[in-house]
Structure formats: structure tokens, C-alpha cells
Amino acid sequence: MDLGFSSEKELYDRLIPALKTKENEFKRNGITYVHMEDIWNYLKITRWSKCRDLLLYQMVDDILNIELYKIDDYVKILLSKKHQKPIID
């Protein structure tokens, strides 16, 4: 069976069950502003961009075992940047 992916979207779609599971873990802990896309983007930037020949099971493991506070901090930074008003000189 070929598990190669022809696009990032195809890979993302394949990881949706794990991403949804992690999103639900956030919700169970009262954190409702973290979404699947945030988890995906955090791991894509901080872990997966540095790896070569990463396997699907390793990505699922990363998703399910990443500490909540790491993604929470990442999203809080994004939200604070989004809500900052530009300084006009």
C-alpha cells in the first residue's frame, strides 16, 4: 500500500482524526480557542519542518502527545498579534 501524499492538503486530511482528538482534549480542559488548524500549524512550523522522511505514525504521535501548554502559548501569541493595533507615526 502506497502512503505517499501528493499534497499538503491530502496529508492534513489524513491527519484529521488525530487533530480532532487533540482539539477535543483542549475543549475538555476548557480551552475552546485552539482549533485543529492551530495544532497543525504549530507542529508544521516547530517540528515537522526540521524532519526528513517523517512517517505518518510519527506525525500522529506528535499530535497526540504534544503538551497542551505549547500549543496554547503559540495560539495566545498569534491572537495577541492579531488584536494589536498598528502604531501610527
PDB file of N, CA and C in Angstrom:
ATOM      1  N   MET A   1       0.843  -1.180   0.000  1.00  0.00           N
ATOM      2  CA  MET A   1       0.000   0.000   0.000  1.00  0.00           C
ATOM      3  C   MET A   1       0.888   1.243   0.000  1.00  0.00           C
ATOM      4  N   ASP A   2       0.624   2.168  -0.901  1.00  0.00           N
ATOM      5  CA  ASP A   2       1.384   3.403  -1.028  1.00  0.00           C
ATOM      6  C   ASP A   2       0.779   4.461  -0.108  1.00  0.00           C
ATOM      7  N   LEU A   3       1.579   4.980   0.822  1.00  0.00           N
ATOM      8  CA  LEU A   3       1.101   6.018   1.728  1.00  0.00           C
ATOM      9  C   LEU A   3       1.683   7.382   1.387  1.00  0.00           C
ATOM     10  N   GLY A   4       2.194   7.545   0.168  1.00  0.00           N
ATOM     11  CA  GLY A   4       2.707   8.832  -0.254  1.00  0.00           C
ATOM     12  C   GLY A   4       1.564   9.817  -0.428  1.00  0.00           C
ATOM     13  N   PHE A   5       1.838  11.067  -0.189  1.00  0.00           N
ATOM     14  CA  PHE A   5       0.825  12.103  -0.311  1.00  0.00           C
ATOM     15  C   PHE A   5       1.240  13.067  -1.399  1.00  0.00           C
ATOM     16  N   SER A   6       0.285  13.431  -2.230  1.00  0.00           N
ATOM     17  CA  SER A   6       0.600  14.299  -3.360  1.00  0.00           C
ATOM     18  C   SER A   6       0.487  15.778  -3.010  1.00  0.00           C
ATOM     19  N   SER A   7      -0.079  16.086  -1.840  1.00  0.00           N
ATOM     20  CA  SER A   7      -0.188  17.484  -1.449  1.00  0.00           C
ATOM     21  C   SER A   7      -0.251  17.604   0.069  1.00  0.00           C
ATOM     22  N   GLU A   8      -0.004  18.790   0.545  1.00  0.00           N
ATOM     23  CA  GLU A   8      -0.091  19.054   1.973  1.00  0.00           C
ATOM     24  C   GLU A   8      -1.532  18.886   2.453  1.00  0.00           C
ATOM     25  N   LYS A   9      -2.478  19.286   1.618  1.00  0.00           N
ATOM     26  CA  LYS A   9      -3.897  19.137   1.969  1.00  0.00           C
ATOM     27  C   LYS A   9      -4.267  17.672   2.142  1.00  0.00           C
ATOM     28  N   GLU A  10      -3.770  16.830   1.271  1.00  0.00           N
ATOM     29  CA  GLU A  10      -4.046  15.396   1.375  1.00  0.00           C
ATOM     30  C   GLU A  10      -3.489  14.825   2.688  1.00  0.00           C
ATOM     31  N   LEU A  11      -2.299  15.260   3.058  1.00  0.00           N
ATOM     32  CA  LEU A  11      -1.704  14.831   4.320  1.00  0.00           C
ATOM     33  C   LEU A  11      -2.529  15.346   5.496  1.00  0.00           C
ATOM     34  N   TYR A  12      -2.897  16.621   5.455  1.00  0.00           N
ATOM     35  CA  TYR A  12      -3.728  17.215   6.505  1.00  0.00           C
ATOM     36  C   TYR A  12      -5.024  16.425   6.664  1.00  0.00           C
ATOM     37  N   ASP A  13      -5.681  16.129   5.545  1.00  0.00           N
ATOM     38  CA  ASP A  13      -6.941  15.376   5.591  1.00  0.00           C
ATOM     39  C   ASP A  13      -6.757  14.009   6.235  1.00  0.00           C
ATOM     40  N   ARG A  14      -5.635  13.387   5.986  1.00  0.00           N
ATOM     41  CA  ARG A  14      -5.358  12.077   6.568  1.00  0.00           C
ATOM     42  C   ARG A  14      -5.131  12.161   8.085  1.00  0.00           C
ATOM     43  N   LEU A  15      -4.654  13.321   8.542  1.00  0.00           N
ATOM     44  CA  LEU A  15      -4.366  13.512   9.962  1.00  0.00           C
ATOM     45  C   LEU A  15      -5.549  14.084  10.747  1.00  0.00           C
ATOM     46  N   ILE A  16      -6.646  14.374  10.081  1.00  0.00           N
ATOM     47  CA  ILE A  16      -7.797  14.988  10.754  1.00  0.00           C
ATOM     48  C   ILE A  16      -8.263  14.202  11.978  1.00  0.00           C
ATOM     49  N   PRO A  17      -8.363  12.878  11.947  1.00  0.00           N
ATOM     50  CA  PRO A  17      -8.803  12.187  13.173  1.00  0.00           C
ATOM     51  C   PRO A  17      -7.911  12.473  14.388  1.00  0.00           C
ATOM     52  N   ALA A  18      -6.607  12.495  14.207  1.00  0.00           N
ATOM     53  CA  ALA A  18      -5.696  12.791  15.316  1.00  0.00           C
ATOM     54  C   ALA A  18      -5.810  14.257  15.732  1.00  0.00           C
ATOM     55  N   LEU A  19      -5.907  15.152  14.754  1.00  0.00           N
ATOM     56  CA  LEU A  19      -6.044  16.579  15.058  1.00  0.00           C
ATOM     57  C   LEU A  19      -7.340  16.853  15.814  1.00  0.00           C
ATOM     58  N   LYS A  20      -8.420  16.210  15.403  1.00  0.00           N
ATOM     59  CA  LYS A  20      -9.715  16.380  16.064  1.00  0.00           C
ATOM     60  C   LYS A  20      -9.655  15.838  17.495  1.00  0.00           C
ATOM     61  N   THR A  21      -8.986  14.719  17.684  1.00  0.00           N
ATOM     62  CA  THR A  21      -8.820  14.154  19.023  1.00  0.00           C
ATOM     63  C   THR A  21      -8.099  15.140  19.937  1.00  0.00           C
ATOM     64  N   LYS A  22      -7.039  15.764  19.429  1.00  0.00           N
ATOM     65  CA  LYS A  22      -6.285  16.726  20.241  1.00  0.00           C
ATOM     66  C   LYS A  22      -7.122  17.976  20.498  1.00  0.00           C
ATOM     67  N   GLU A  23      -7.850  18.439  19.502  1.00  0.00           N
ATOM     68  CA  GLU A  23      -8.727  19.593  19.678  1.00  0.00           C
ATOM     69  C   GLU A  23      -9.750  19.302  20.784  1.00  0.00           C
ATOM     70  N   ASN A  24     -10.310  18.101  20.794  1.00  0.00           N
ATOM     71  CA  ASN A  24     -11.267  17.717  21.835  1.00  0.00           C
ATOM     72  C   ASN A  24     -10.613  17.681  23.212  1.00  0.00           C
ATOM     73  N   GLU A  25      -9.351  17.298  23.277  1.00  0.00           N
ATOM     74  CA  GLU A  25      -8.620  17.320  24.551  1.00  0.00           C
ATOM     75  C   GLU A  25      -8.521  18.745  25.080  1.00  0.00           C
ATOM     76  N   PHE A  26      -8.255  19.685  24.191  1.00  0.00           N
ATOM     77  CA  PHE A  26      -8.235  21.097  24.594  1.00  0.00           C
ATOM     78  C   PHE A  26      -9.598  21.507  25.146  1.00  0.00           C
ATOM     79  N   LYS A  27     -10.653  21.142  24.446  1.00  0.00           N
ATOM     80  CA  LYS A  27     -12.002  21.516  24.885  1.00  0.00           C
ATOM     81  C   LYS A  27     -12.324  20.916  26.248  1.00  0.00           C
ATOM     82  N   ARG A  28     -11.936  19.671  26.479  1.00  0.00           N
ATOM     83  CA  ARG A  28     -12.163  19.033  27.781  1.00  0.00           C
ATOM     84  C   ARG A  28     -11.429  19.766  28.900  1.00  0.00           C
ATOM     85  N   ASN A  29     -10.364  20.463  28.546  1.00  0.00           N
ATOM     86  CA  ASN A  29      -9.587  21.232  29.519  1.00  0.00           C
ATOM     87  C   ASN A  29      -9.999  22.704  29.558  1.00  0.00           C
ATOM     88  N   GLY A  30     -11.128  23.022  28.925  1.00  0.00           N
ATOM     89  CA  GLY A  30     -11.666  24.379  28.973  1.00  0.00           C
ATOM     90  C   GLY A  30     -11.020  25.364  28.016  1.00  0.00           C
ATOM     91  N   ILE A  31     -10.237  24.878  27.082  1.00  0.00           N
ATOM     92  CA  ILE A  31      -9.564  25.756  26.107  1.00  0.00           C
ATOM     93  C   ILE A  31     -10.296  25.608  24.779  1.00  0.00           C
ATOM     94  N   THR A  32     -11.149  26.574  24.477  1.00  0.00           N
ATOM     95  CA  THR A  32     -12.017  26.456  23.303  1.00  0.00           C
ATOM     96  C   THR A  32     -11.519  27.218  22.083  1.00  0.00           C
ATOM     97  N   TYR A  33     -10.474  27.999  22.235  1.00  0.00           N
ATOM     98  CA  TYR A  33      -9.984  28.820  21.132  1.00  0.00           C
ATOM     99  C   TYR A  33      -8.883  28.143  20.307  1.00  0.00           C
ATOM    100  N   VAL A  34      -8.461  26.955  20.682  1.00  0.00           N
ATOM    101  CA  VAL A  34      -7.460  26.213  19.913  1.00  0.00           C
ATOM    102  C   VAL A  34      -8.192  25.253  18.981  1.00  0.00           C
ATOM    103  N   HIS A  35      -7.846  25.315  17.701  1.00  0.00           N
ATOM    104  CA  HIS A  35      -8.510  24.505  16.689  1.00  0.00           C
ATOM    105  C   HIS A  35      -7.505  23.589  15.987  1.00  0.00           C
ATOM    106  N   MET A  36      -8.031  22.672  15.214  1.00  0.00           N
ATOM    107  CA  MET A  36      -7.185  21.702  14.500  1.00  0.00           C
ATOM    108  C   MET A  36      -6.110  22.394  13.678  1.00  0.00           C
ATOM    109  N   GLU A  37      -6.467  23.474  13.024  1.00  0.00           N
ATOM    110  CA  GLU A  37      -5.516  24.190  12.178  1.00  0.00           C
ATOM    111  C   GLU A  37      -4.357  24.752  12.986  1.00  0.00           C
ATOM    112  N   ASP A  38      -4.647  25.178  14.211  1.00  0.00           N
ATOM    113  CA  ASP A  38      -3.593  25.700  15.087  1.00  0.00           C
ATOM    114  C   ASP A  38      -2.593  24.604  15.457  1.00  0.00           C
ATOM    115  N   ILE A  39      -3.119  23.436  15.772  1.00  0.00           N
ATOM    116  CA  ILE A  39      -2.268  22.296  16.119  1.00  0.00           C
ATOM    117  C   ILE A  39      -1.403  21.926  14.925  1.00  0.00           C
ATOM    118  N   TRP A  40      -2.010  21.837  13.758  1.00  0.00           N
ATOM    119  CA  TRP A  40      -1.315  21.535  12.501  1.00  0.00           C
ATOM    120  C   TRP A  40      -0.204  22.550  12.248  1.00  0.00           C
ATOM    121  N   ASN A  41      -0.544  23.829  12.307  1.00  0.00           N
ATOM    122  CA  ASN A  41       0.434  24.873  12.004  1.00  0.00           C
ATOM    123  C   ASN A  41       1.585  24.887  13.004  1.00  0.00           C
ATOM    124  N   TYR A  42       1.272  24.721  14.278  1.00  0.00           N
ATOM    125  CA  TYR A  42       2.330  24.696  15.286  1.00  0.00           C
ATOM    126  C   TYR A  42       3.332  23.576  15.014  1.00  0.00           C
ATOM    127  N   LEU A  43       2.824  22.377  14.811  1.00  0.00           N
ATOM    128  CA  LEU A  43       3.722  21.248  14.580  1.00  0.00           C
ATOM    129  C   LEU A  43       4.445  21.358  13.240  1.00  0.00           C
ATOM    130  N   LYS A  44       3.763  21.863  12.248  1.00  0.00           N
ATOM    131  CA  LYS A  44       4.386  22.029  10.936  1.00  0.00           C
ATOM    132  C   LYS A  44       5.584  22.980  11.027  1.00  0.00           C
ATOM    133  N   ILE A  45       5.431  24.029  11.784  1.00  0.00           N
ATOM    134  CA  ILE A  45       6.492  25.037  11.915  1.00  0.00           C
ATOM    135  C   ILE A  45       7.598  24.584  12.868  1.00  0.00           C
ATOM    136  N   THR A  46       7.211  24.054  14.018  1.00  0.00           N
ATOM    137  CA  THR A  46       8.207  23.802  15.070  1.00  0.00           C
ATOM    138  C   THR A  46       8.866  22.435  15.008  1.00  0.00           C
ATOM    139  N   ARG A  47       8.194  21.439  14.470  1.00  0.00           N
ATOM    140  CA  ARG A  47       8.761  20.084  14.484  1.00  0.00           C
ATOM    141  C   ARG A  47       8.986  19.511  13.098  1.00  0.00           C
ATOM    142  N   TRP A  48       7.947  19.518  12.306  1.00  0.00           N
ATOM    143  CA  TRP A  48       7.997  18.779  11.049  1.00  0.00           C
ATOM    144  C   TRP A  48       8.849  19.448   9.983  1.00  0.00           C
ATOM    145  N   SER A  49       9.016  20.757  10.044  1.00  0.00           N
ATOM    146  CA  SER A  49       9.835  21.434   9.033  1.00  0.00           C
ATOM    147  C   SER A  49      11.309  21.047   9.152  1.00  0.00           C
ATOM    148  N   LYS A  50      11.702  20.539  10.315  1.00  0.00           N
ATOM    149  CA  LYS A  50      13.097  20.173  10.558  1.00  0.00           C
ATOM    150  C   LYS A  50      13.380  18.697  10.269  1.00  0.00           C
ATOM    151  N   CYS A  51      12.335  17.935   9.955  1.00  0.00           N
ATOM    152  CA  CYS A  51      12.474  16.485   9.789  1.00  0.00           C
ATOM    153  C   CYS A  51      12.494  16.085   8.320  1.00  0.00           C
ATOM    154  N   ARG A  52      13.183  14.997   8.067  1.00  0.00           N
ATOM    155  CA  ARG A  52      13.196  14.410   6.733  1.00  0.00           C
ATOM    156  C   ARG A  52      12.650  12.991   6.858  1.00  0.00           C
ATOM    157  N   ASP A  53      11.950  12.558   5.833  1.00  0.00           N
ATOM    158  CA  ASP A  53      11.401  11.198   5.791  1.00  0.00           C
ATOM    159  C   ASP A  53      10.523  10.882   7.006  1.00  0.00           C
ATOM    160  N   LEU A  54       9.714  11.847   7.382  1.00  0.00           N
ATOM    161  CA  LEU A  54       8.806  11.679   8.507  1.00  0.00           C
ATOM    162  C   LEU A  54       7.681  10.730   8.115  1.00  0.00           C
ATOM    163  N   LEU A  55       7.366   9.795   8.986  1.00  0.00           N
ATOM    164  CA  LEU A  55       6.318   8.823   8.715  1.00  0.00           C
ATOM    165  C   LEU A  55       5.007   9.261   9.356  1.00  0.00           C
ATOM    166  N   LEU A  56       3.911   8.779   8.797  1.00  0.00           N
ATOM    167  CA  LEU A  56       2.587   9.171   9.262  1.00  0.00           C
ATOM    168  C   LEU A  56       2.393   8.861  10.748  1.00  0.00           C
ATOM    169  N   TYR A  57       2.821   7.704  11.182  1.00  0.00           N
ATOM    170  CA  TYR A  57       2.622   7.353  12.590  1.00  0.00           C
ATOM    171  C   TYR A  57       3.396   8.296  13.512  1.00  0.00           C
ATOM    172  N   GLN A  58       4.532   8.817  13.058  1.00  0.00           N
ATOM    173  CA  GLN A  58       5.303   9.759  13.860  1.00  0.00           C
ATOM    174  C   GLN A  58       4.560  11.087  13.986  1.00  0.00           C
ATOM    175  N   MET A  59       3.907  11.484  12.912  1.00  0.00           N
ATOM    176  CA  MET A  59       3.130  12.718  12.946  1.00  0.00           C
ATOM    177  C   MET A  59       1.927  12.568  13.879  1.00  0.00           C
ATOM    178  N   VAL A  60       1.260  11.436  13.806  1.00  0.00           N
ATOM    179  CA  VAL A  60       0.135  11.170  14.704  1.00  0.00           C
ATOM    180  C   VAL A  60       0.614  11.180  16.150  1.00  0.00           C
ATOM    181  N   ASP A  61       1.740  10.559  16.410  1.00  0.00           N
ATOM    182  CA  ASP A  61       2.306  10.553  17.756  1.00  0.00           C
ATOM    183  C   ASP A  61       2.602  11.972  18.236  1.00  0.00           C
ATOM    184  N   ASP A  62       3.171  12.797  17.364  1.00  0.00           N
ATOM    185  CA  ASP A  62       3.437  14.196  17.723  1.00  0.00           C
ATOM    186  C   ASP A  62       2.145  14.917  18.085  1.00  0.00           C
ATOM    187  N   ILE A  63       1.118  14.721  17.295  1.00  0.00           N
ATOM    188  CA  ILE A  63      -0.162  15.390  17.534  1.00  0.00           C
ATOM    189  C   ILE A  63      -0.746  14.972  18.878  1.00  0.00           C
ATOM    190  N   LEU A  64      -0.778  13.686  19.120  1.00  0.00           N
ATOM    191  CA  LEU A  64      -1.441  13.179  20.324  1.00  0.00           C
ATOM    192  C   LEU A  64      -0.647  13.427  21.598  1.00  0.00           C
ATOM    193  N   ASN A  65       0.661  13.608  21.483  1.00  0.00           N
ATOM    194  CA  ASN A  65       1.498  13.719  22.679  1.00  0.00           C
ATOM    195  C   ASN A  65       2.102  15.091  22.929  1.00  0.00           C
ATOM    196  N   ILE A  66       1.833  16.058  22.074  1.00  0.00           N
ATOM    197  CA  ILE A  66       2.351  17.405  22.318  1.00  0.00           C
ATOM    198  C   ILE A  66       1.673  17.987  23.562  1.00  0.00           C
ATOM    199  N   GLU A  67       2.430  18.650  24.394  1.00  0.00           N
ATOM    200  CA  GLU A  67       1.869  19.233  25.604  1.00  0.00           C
ATOM    201  C   GLU A  67       0.919  20.370  25.239  1.00  0.00           C
ATOM    202  N   LEU A  68      -0.202  20.415  25.930  1.00  0.00           N
ATOM    203  CA  LEU A  68      -1.222  21.423  25.644  1.00  0.00           C
ATOM    204  C   LEU A  68      -0.679  22.840  25.768  1.00  0.00           C
ATOM    205  N   TYR A  69       0.161  23.079  26.770  1.00  0.00           N
ATOM    206  CA  TYR A  69       0.629  24.440  27.004  1.00  0.00           C
ATOM    207  C   TYR A  69       1.449  24.980  25.841  1.00  0.00           C
ATOM    208  N   LYS A  70       2.140  24.128  25.116  1.00  0.00           N
ATOM    209  CA  LYS A  70       2.960  24.604  23.999  1.00  0.00           C
ATOM    210  C   LYS A  70       2.089  25.185  22.892  1.00  0.00           C
ATOM    211  N   ILE A  71       1.040  24.471  22.550  1.00  0.00           N
ATOM    212  CA  ILE A  71       0.140  24.979  21.507  1.00  0.00           C
ATOM    213  C   ILE A  71      -0.672  26.143  22.045  1.00  0.00           C
ATOM    214  N   ASP A  72      -1.072  26.080  23.300  1.00  0.00           N
ATOM    215  CA  ASP A  72      -1.818  27.173  23.918  1.00  0.00           C
ATOM    216  C   ASP A  72      -1.006  28.466  23.875  1.00  0.00           C
ATOM    217  N   ASP A  73       0.259  28.398  24.252  1.00  0.00           N
ATOM    218  CA  ASP A  73       1.127  29.584  24.204  1.00  0.00           C
ATOM    219  C   ASP A  73       1.256  30.107  22.773  1.00  0.00           C
ATOM    220  N   TYR A  74       1.434  29.204  21.820  1.00  0.00           N
ATOM    221  CA  TYR A  74       1.553  29.580  20.412  1.00  0.00           C
ATOM    222  C   TYR A  74       0.307  30.321  19.942  1.00  0.00           C
ATOM    223  N   VAL A  75      -0.859  29.809  20.260  1.00  0.00           N
ATOM    224  CA  VAL A  75      -2.112  30.425  19.827  1.00  0.00           C
ATOM    225  C   VAL A  75      -2.323  31.765  20.529  1.00  0.00           C
ATOM    226  N   LYS A  76      -1.980  31.847  21.797  1.00  0.00           N
ATOM    227  CA  LYS A  76      -2.116  33.121  22.517  1.00  0.00           C
ATOM    228  C   LYS A  76      -1.254  34.197  21.883  1.00  0.00           C
ATOM    229  N   ILE A  77      -0.060  33.845  21.463  1.00  0.00           N
ATOM    230  CA  ILE A  77       0.815  34.812  20.790  1.00  0.00           C
ATOM    231  C   ILE A  77       0.192  35.257  19.480  1.00  0.00           C
ATOM    232  N   LEU A  78      -0.324  34.309  18.710  1.00  0.00           N
ATOM    233  CA  LEU A  78      -0.982  34.664  17.446  1.00  0.00           C
ATOM    234  C   LEU A  78      -2.177  35.578  17.675  1.00  0.00           C
ATOM    235  N   LEU A  79      -2.983  35.250  18.674  1.00  0.00           N
ATOM    236  CA  LEU A  79      -4.164  36.059  18.965  1.00  0.00           C
ATOM    237  C   LEU A  79      -3.779  37.454  19.433  1.00  0.00           C
ATOM    238  N   SER A  80      -2.731  37.559  20.233  1.00  0.00           N
ATOM    239  CA  SER A  80      -2.317  38.885  20.709  1.00  0.00           C
ATOM    240  C   SER A  80      -1.789  39.735  19.557  1.00  0.00           C
ATOM    241  N   LYS A  81      -1.078  39.118  18.618  1.00  0.00           N
ATOM    242  CA  LYS A  81      -0.589  39.853  17.450  1.00  0.00           C
ATOM    243  C   LYS A  81      -1.749  40.293  16.574  1.00  0.00           C
ATOM    244  N   LYS A  82      -2.742  39.445  16.469  1.00  0.00           N
ATOM    245  CA  LYS A  82      -3.912  39.749  15.640  1.00  0.00           C
ATOM    246  C   LYS A  82      -4.698  40.928  16.206  1.00  0.00           C
ATOM    247  N   HIS A  83      -4.703  41.082  17.531  1.00  0.00           N
ATOM    248  CA  HIS A  83      -5.506  42.118  18.165  1.00  0.00           C
ATOM    249  C   HIS A  83      -4.722  43.386  18.484  1.00  0.00           C
ATOM    250  N   GLN A  84      -3.432  43.400  18.165  1.00  0.00           N
ATOM    251  CA  GLN A  84      -2.640  44.605  18.389  1.00  0.00           C
ATOM    252  C   GLN A  84      -3.005  45.634  17.334  1.00  0.00           C
ATOM    253  N   LYS A  85      -3.114  46.862  17.779  1.00  0.00           N
ATOM    254  CA  LYS A  85      -3.406  47.951  16.851  1.00  0.00           C
ATOM    255  C   LYS A  85      -2.093  48.495  16.298  1.00  0.00           C
ATOM    256  N   PRO A  86      -2.062  48.794  15.019  1.00  0.00           N
ATOM    257  CA  PRO A  86      -0.829  49.358  14.455  1.00  0.00           C
ATOM    258  C   PRO A  86      -0.548  50.756  15.025  1.00  0.00           C
ATOM    259  N   ILE A  87       0.732  51.007  15.217  1.00  0.00           N
ATOM    260  CA  ILE A  87       1.158  52.316  15.713  1.00  0.00           C
ATOM    261  C   ILE A  87       1.325  53.242  14.525  1.00  0.00           C
ATOM    262  N   ILE A  88       0.662  54.391  14.597  1.00  0.00           N
ATOM    263  CA  ILE A  88       0.736  55.371  13.512  1.00  0.00           C
ATOM    264  C   ILE A  88       1.635  56.507  13.953  1.00  0.00           C
ATOM    265  N   ASP A  89       2.649  56.779  13.141  1.00  0.00           N
ATOM    266  CA  ASP A  89       3.581  57.886  13.465  1.00  0.00           C
ATOM    267  C   ASP A  89       3.042  59.186  12.977  1.00  0.00           C
TER     268      ASP A  89
END
